[in-house]
Amino acid sequence: MARVALAYDEIYLKHDTGGHPEHEGRVRLCHEYLRSQPFFEKLIKVRPRPVADEEVLLVHTRRYLDSLSSIPSTRRGNLDPDTLFGPGSLKAARYAAGALTEAVDRIEAGDIDSAFCLVRPPGHHALPDRAMGFCILNNVAVGAAYATRTRGFARAAIIDFDVHHGNGTQDIFWEDGDVLYCSLHEWPFYPGTGSREQTGAGKGAGKTVNIPLPHGSGEEAYIEALEEEVLPAVRRHKPDLIFISAGFDAHRSDPIGGMNLDEESFATMTRAIKQLAMESCDGRLVSALEGGYNIDALAASVGMHLAALLD
């Protein structure tokens, strides 16, 4: 059986966004749901650590990090029109990105084969120099850059199936030939990036693979795109480690997305990606929560995602 870790910490509940769609109940109720599942005891529990400044600076600018660190501890407000910030937000964001670096360390040490990071705030919209779309630090980007630039992994691949395009992740690795970024996302939709013509530049030319899908697309369209475009691109890249930006807002019940997946669809995609990881990099896989805003659908989808990783 695969050695699968779950990285979670109650520090994520301290990012207080009130009635915002990205609220603390997303991860709290997911964790409660997972604890009720028979497979929970099979998971290796990993305590995240706060990401170090030098790890953040692998993908974000010093000016941006300094601006976050200088916000008074009592301030509440917005970092952008969609992204709230309060007294516990930066610490939660540091532990969210730190869950990814801790997972990479555990995999590199041979302690685990794969991990799911049940984190918030999410990350894939966060740009090098600013917050965006509920995201403060780009968690998966930090993990991939940490793996390839400091931990000896030659190449990494990121597969993003959040309903929104991960514009921040694309921007960060636009000219990086070591990290492949593949995104399946609704189009046209927020944030307006992610066309097929966006494929990277310089050393990263061809290392961005965008697959925009029309509103209402369901499992058949996703699986066809995954099998015919994403998996072949990852095989050609020959990664040592695969990351998943695991957004579950393409679920048909999600109030923000406009796609037609269900929890079984996410399980099917997860099994295909896990099999690819087994073929390409001895099963080394790190997944992190991005979107998903219907709590019941999110919890069920996360449960199916983890069950597929354990299978």
Protein backbone atom coordinates (compact mmCIF):
# COMPACT_ATOMS: atom_id res chain seq x y z
CA MET A 1 0.00 0.00 0.00
CA ALA A 2 1.20 3.51 -0.83
CA ARG A 3 2.47 5.53 2.11
CA VAL A 4 0.21 8.58 1.86
CA ALA A 5 0.52 11.55 4.21
CA LEU A 6 -2.07 14.11 5.25
CA ALA A 7 -0.66 17.53 6.11
CA TYR A 8 -3.03 19.68 8.15
CA ASP A 9 -2.89 22.17 11.01
CA GLU A 10 -5.57 24.13 12.85
CA ILE A 11 -3.50 27.26 12.20
CA TYR A 12 -5.39 27.42 8.88
CA LEU A 13 -8.54 28.29 10.82
CA LYS A 14 -6.91 31.52 12.02
CA HIS A 15 -7.13 33.08 8.54
CA ASP A 16 -10.42 34.76 9.39
CA THR A 17 -12.43 35.72 6.31
CA GLY A 18 -15.89 35.81 7.86
CA GLY A 19 -18.60 35.02 5.34
CA HIS A 20 -16.22 34.99 2.37
CA PRO A 21 -16.50 31.93 0.09
CA GLU A 22 -12.96 30.94 1.11
CA HIS A 23 -13.65 30.52 4.83
CA GLU A 24 -12.21 28.39 7.62
CA GLY A 25 -15.04 25.86 7.46
CA ARG A 26 -13.70 24.57 4.16
CA VAL A 27 -10.72 22.82 5.74
CA ARG A 28 -12.20 22.29 9.21
CA LEU A 29 -15.19 20.35 7.90
CA CYS A 30 -13.06 18.48 5.37
CA HIS A 31 -10.81 17.35 8.20
CA GLU A 32 -13.80 16.27 10.28
CA TYR A 33 -15.15 14.34 7.30
CA LEU A 34 -11.80 12.62 6.73
CA ARG A 35 -11.63 11.63 10.40
CA SER A 36 -14.94 9.81 9.95
CA GLN A 37 -13.66 7.72 7.06
CA PRO A 38 -12.31 4.17 7.53
CA PHE A 39 -9.11 5.01 5.66
CA PHE A 40 -8.17 7.89 7.99
CA GLU A 41 -6.01 5.70 10.23
CA LYS A 42 -4.01 4.57 7.20
CA LEU A 43 -2.86 8.14 6.53
CA ILE A 44 0.50 9.28 7.86
CA LYS A 45 -0.16 12.52 9.72
CA VAL A 46 2.33 15.27 8.93
CA ARG A 47 2.53 18.53 10.85
CA PRO A 48 3.31 21.41 8.50
CA ARG A 49 6.05 23.86 9.30
CA PRO A 50 6.14 27.58 8.56
CA VAL A 51 7.83 28.26 5.25
CA ALA A 52 11.18 30.05 5.56
CA ASP A 53 11.76 33.45 3.95
CA GLU A 54 14.34 32.02 1.57
CA GLU A 55 11.80 29.43 0.41
CA VAL A 56 9.15 32.08 -0.22
CA LEU A 57 11.72 34.11 -2.16
CA LEU A 58 12.19 31.25 -4.61
CA VAL A 59 8.91 32.39 -6.24
CA HIS A 60 7.92 35.72 -4.68
CA THR A 61 9.70 39.07 -4.63
CA ARG A 62 11.41 40.47 -1.56
CA ARG A 63 9.30 43.60 -1.86
CA TYR A 64 6.08 41.58 -1.71
CA LEU A 65 7.22 39.48 1.24
CA ASP A 66 8.34 42.61 3.10
CA SER A 67 5.00 44.26 2.41
CA LEU A 68 3.14 41.28 3.92
CA SER A 69 5.45 41.18 6.93
CA SER A 70 5.01 44.91 7.58
CA ILE A 71 1.20 44.78 7.84
CA PRO A 72 0.26 45.63 11.46
CA SER A 73 -0.79 42.54 13.41
CA THR A 74 -4.21 44.03 14.20
CA ARG A 75 -5.09 45.16 10.68
CA ARG A 76 -8.01 43.71 8.75
CA GLY A 77 -8.53 44.50 5.10
CA ASN A 78 -8.04 43.43 1.53
CA LEU A 79 -4.84 42.59 -0.33
CA ASP A 80 -6.85 42.72 -3.56
CA PRO A 81 -10.61 42.97 -4.19
CA ASP A 82 -11.04 39.21 -3.56
CA THR A 83 -8.32 38.44 -1.00
CA LEU A 84 -8.92 39.24 2.66
CA PHE A 85 -6.18 39.62 5.26
CA GLY A 86 -6.36 39.67 9.03
CA PRO A 87 -4.27 39.04 12.16
CA GLY A 88 -3.84 35.31 11.52
CA SER A 89 -3.58 35.37 7.74
CA LEU A 90 0.18 35.59 7.17
CA LYS A 91 0.90 32.82 9.66
CA ALA A 92 -1.71 30.59 8.01
CA ALA A 93 -0.23 31.37 4.58
CA ARG A 94 3.26 30.52 5.81
CA TYR A 95 2.04 27.18 7.15
CA ALA A 96 0.13 26.51 3.92
CA ALA A 97 3.27 26.91 1.81
CA GLY A 98 5.26 25.13 4.51
CA ALA A 99 3.06 22.06 4.20
CA LEU A 100 4.37 21.69 0.65
CA THR A 101 8.03 22.08 1.60
CA GLU A 102 7.60 19.66 4.50
CA ALA A 103 5.98 17.13 2.15
CA VAL A 104 8.87 17.48 -0.28
CA ASP A 105 11.34 16.90 2.56
CA ARG A 106 9.47 13.78 3.73
CA ILE A 107 9.40 12.37 0.20
CA GLU A 108 13.07 13.18 -0.37
CA ALA A 109 13.92 11.42 2.91
CA GLY A 110 11.93 8.34 1.85
CA ASP A 111 9.45 8.61 4.74
CA ILE A 112 6.37 8.82 2.50
CA ASP A 113 5.45 8.25 -1.14
CA SER A 114 2.86 10.98 -1.54
CA ALA A 115 0.98 13.64 0.39
CA PHE A 116 -2.21 15.65 0.36
CA CYS A 117 -1.92 19.09 1.93
CA LEU A 118 -5.27 20.21 3.35
CA VAL A 119 -4.35 23.89 3.45
CA ARG A 120 -5.70 27.40 3.19
CA PRO A 121 -5.40 30.07 1.96
CA PRO A 122 -5.11 28.53 -1.51
CA GLY A 123 -2.24 29.54 -3.75
CA HIS A 124 -2.35 29.20 -7.52
CA HIS A 125 -3.47 32.78 -8.30
CA ALA A 126 -0.74 34.39 -6.17
CA LEU A 127 1.71 36.21 -8.44
CA PRO A 128 5.38 36.85 -7.69
CA ASP A 129 4.64 40.36 -6.47
CA ARG A 130 1.05 40.37 -5.24
CA ALA A 131 -1.90 38.48 -3.83
CA MET A 132 -4.82 37.59 -6.06
CA GLY A 133 -8.02 35.54 -6.12
CA PHE A 134 -8.13 34.41 -2.44
CA CYS A 135 -4.39 33.49 -2.62
CA ILE A 136 -1.55 35.05 -0.60
CA LEU A 137 1.46 32.75 -1.20
CA ASN A 138 1.64 30.35 -4.14
CA ASN A 139 1.85 27.11 -2.18
CA VAL A 140 2.41 24.62 -5.02
CA ALA A 141 4.85 26.94 -6.76
CA VAL A 142 6.88 27.22 -3.55
CA GLY A 143 6.89 23.42 -3.28
CA ALA A 144 7.96 22.86 -6.90
CA ALA A 145 10.68 25.51 -6.79
CA TYR A 146 11.93 24.20 -3.44
CA ALA A 147 12.12 20.67 -4.86
CA THR A 148 13.97 21.61 -8.05
CA ARG A 149 16.21 24.39 -6.79
CA THR A 150 17.22 23.23 -3.32
CA ARG A 151 16.35 19.56 -2.80
CA GLY A 152 17.98 17.91 -5.80
CA PHE A 153 14.93 17.04 -7.88
CA ALA A 154 15.90 17.76 -11.49
CA ARG A 155 12.40 18.28 -12.87
CA ALA A 156 8.89 18.69 -11.50
CA ALA A 157 5.45 18.75 -13.11
CA ILE A 158 2.35 20.53 -11.85
CA ILE A 159 -1.12 19.37 -12.88
CA ASP A 160 -3.83 21.90 -12.01
CA PHE A 161 -7.48 20.82 -12.28
CA ASP A 162 -9.01 23.72 -10.37
CA VAL A 163 -11.90 25.26 -12.32
CA HIS A 164 -9.87 28.50 -12.59
CA HIS A 165 -6.60 28.86 -14.44
CA GLY A 166 -3.58 29.14 -12.15
CA ASN A 167 -2.24 32.38 -13.57
CA GLY A 168 0.21 32.85 -10.70
CA THR A 169 1.80 29.44 -11.16
CA GLN A 170 2.01 29.96 -14.91
CA ASP A 171 3.69 33.34 -14.44
CA ILE A 172 6.21 32.04 -11.91
CA PHE A 173 7.43 29.19 -14.15
CA TRP A 174 6.94 30.93 -17.54
CA GLU A 175 10.67 30.78 -18.32
CA ASP A 176 11.59 27.77 -16.17
CA GLY A 177 12.47 24.67 -18.16
CA ASP A 178 12.59 22.46 -15.07
CA VAL A 179 8.94 22.83 -14.07
CA LEU A 180 6.10 21.82 -16.39
CA TYR A 181 2.74 23.48 -15.71
CA CYS A 182 -0.43 21.87 -17.09
CA SER A 183 -3.87 23.33 -16.45
CA LEU A 184 -7.39 22.09 -17.16
CA HIS A 185 -9.81 24.96 -16.57
CA GLU A 186 -13.09 26.56 -17.54
CA TRP A 187 -12.84 29.05 -20.41
CA PRO A 188 -13.69 31.89 -20.68
CA PHE A 189 -13.59 32.47 -16.94
CA TYR A 190 -11.67 34.19 -14.14
CA PRO A 191 -8.82 35.24 -14.24
CA GLY A 192 -8.88 35.51 -18.05
CA THR A 193 -5.55 33.76 -18.65
CA GLY A 194 -4.86 30.22 -19.80
CA SER A 195 -5.33 30.20 -23.55
CA ARG A 196 -3.72 27.47 -25.61
CA GLU A 197 -1.40 30.06 -27.12
CA GLN A 198 0.25 30.65 -23.73
CA THR A 199 3.02 28.03 -23.74
CA GLY A 200 6.00 29.61 -21.98
CA ALA A 201 9.12 31.41 -23.14
CA GLY A 202 12.89 31.10 -23.09
CA LYS A 203 13.97 27.94 -21.32
CA GLY A 204 10.32 27.42 -20.44
CA ALA A 205 9.09 27.43 -24.03
CA GLY A 206 6.61 24.58 -24.39
CA LYS A 207 6.59 23.92 -20.63
CA THR A 208 3.17 25.52 -20.12
CA VAL A 209 0.25 23.41 -21.35
CA ASN A 210 -3.16 25.06 -21.11
CA ILE A 211 -6.33 23.15 -21.90
CA PRO A 212 -9.29 25.54 -21.73
CA LEU A 213 -12.61 23.73 -21.55
CA PRO A 214 -16.06 25.19 -22.29
CA HIS A 215 -18.63 25.95 -19.61
CA GLY A 216 -20.51 22.84 -18.57
CA SER A 217 -17.80 20.35 -19.48
CA GLY A 218 -18.06 17.07 -17.62
CA GLU A 219 -15.98 14.02 -16.85
CA GLU A 220 -15.69 12.80 -20.44
CA ALA A 221 -14.10 16.07 -21.60
CA TYR A 222 -11.74 16.20 -18.62
CA ILE A 223 -10.56 12.61 -18.96
CA GLU A 224 -10.04 12.99 -22.71
CA ALA A 225 -7.94 16.13 -22.18
CA LEU A 226 -6.01 14.48 -19.35
CA GLU A 227 -5.24 11.30 -21.28
CA GLU A 228 -4.57 12.86 -24.68
CA GLU A 229 -2.69 16.02 -23.69
CA VAL A 230 -1.69 16.32 -20.04
CA LEU A 231 -0.32 12.84 -19.34
CA PRO A 232 1.71 12.70 -22.60
CA ALA A 233 3.19 16.14 -21.84
CA VAL A 234 4.22 15.00 -18.36
CA ARG A 235 5.77 11.81 -19.74
CA ARG A 236 7.84 13.84 -22.19
CA HIS A 237 9.01 16.10 -19.36
CA LYS A 238 10.17 13.10 -17.27
CA PRO A 239 9.60 14.62 -13.82
CA ASP A 240 11.19 13.42 -10.60
CA LEU A 241 8.18 14.67 -8.65
CA ILE A 242 4.58 15.54 -9.58
CA PHE A 243 2.42 18.17 -7.89
CA ILE A 244 -1.34 18.58 -8.10
CA SER A 245 -3.12 21.90 -7.64
CA ALA A 246 -6.23 20.14 -6.43
CA GLY A 247 -9.15 22.50 -6.78
CA PHE A 248 -12.55 20.85 -6.48
CA ASP A 249 -14.64 23.80 -7.72
CA ALA A 250 -15.31 22.09 -11.05
CA HIS A 251 -17.86 20.00 -9.12
CA ARG A 252 -21.37 20.43 -10.50
CA SER A 253 -22.61 21.62 -7.07
CA ASP A 254 -20.00 24.34 -6.66
CA PRO A 255 -21.49 27.85 -6.42
CA ILE A 256 -18.52 29.52 -8.14
CA GLY A 257 -17.56 27.11 -10.92
CA GLY A 258 -19.55 26.20 -13.99
CA MET A 259 -18.46 22.65 -14.77
CA ASN A 260 -20.14 19.28 -14.41
CA LEU A 261 -17.80 16.99 -12.46
CA ASP A 262 -18.64 14.99 -9.36
CA GLU A 263 -16.51 13.36 -6.65
CA GLU A 264 -16.11 10.20 -8.74
CA SER A 265 -14.66 12.34 -11.54
CA PHE A 266 -11.95 13.63 -9.22
CA ALA A 267 -11.19 10.07 -8.11
CA THR A 268 -10.81 8.99 -11.74
CA MET A 269 -8.42 11.86 -12.50
CA THR A 270 -6.47 11.20 -9.32
CA ARG A 271 -6.01 7.52 -10.16
CA ALA A 272 -4.71 8.43 -13.63
CA ILE A 273 -2.25 10.95 -12.20
CA LYS A 274 -1.13 8.52 -9.50
CA GLN A 275 -0.51 5.84 -12.14
CA LEU A 276 1.52 8.37 -14.12
CA ALA A 277 3.55 9.14 -11.00
CA MET A 278 4.18 5.42 -10.48
CA GLU A 279 5.48 5.15 -14.05
CA SER A 280 7.47 8.39 -14.06
CA CYS A 281 8.86 8.99 -10.59
CA ASP A 282 8.29 6.02 -8.27
CA GLY A 283 4.93 7.40 -7.13
CA ARG A 284 6.33 10.68 -5.77
CA LEU A 285 3.32 13.01 -5.67
CA VAL A 286 2.33 16.08 -3.65
CA SER A 287 -1.22 17.41 -3.86
CA ALA A 288 -2.53 20.61 -2.29
CA LEU A 289 -6.03 21.99 -1.88
CA GLU A 290 -6.93 24.97 -4.03
CA GLY A 291 -10.62 25.81 -4.60
CA GLY A 292 -13.94 24.17 -3.76
CA TYR A 293 -16.77 26.16 -2.17
CA ASN A 294 -19.71 23.79 -1.65
CA ILE A 295 -18.69 22.25 1.67
CA ASP A 296 -20.45 18.91 1.22
CA ALA A 297 -19.16 18.48 -2.34
CA LEU A 298 -15.68 19.58 -1.29
CA ALA A 299 -15.47 17.12 1.62
CA ALA A 300 -16.72 14.23 -0.52
CA SER A 301 -14.31 15.11 -3.32
CA VAL A 302 -11.33 15.41 -0.98
CA GLY A 303 -12.28 12.05 0.51
CA MET A 304 -12.37 10.41 -2.92
CA HIS A 305 -9.08 12.09 -3.87
CA LEU A 306 -7.33 10.67 -0.80
CA ALA A 307 -8.91 7.25 -1.17
CA ALA A 308 -7.59 7.15 -4.74
CA LEU A 309 -4.11 8.07 -3.56
CA LEU A 310 -4.26 5.26 -1.00
CA ASP A 311 -5.63 2.70 -3.46
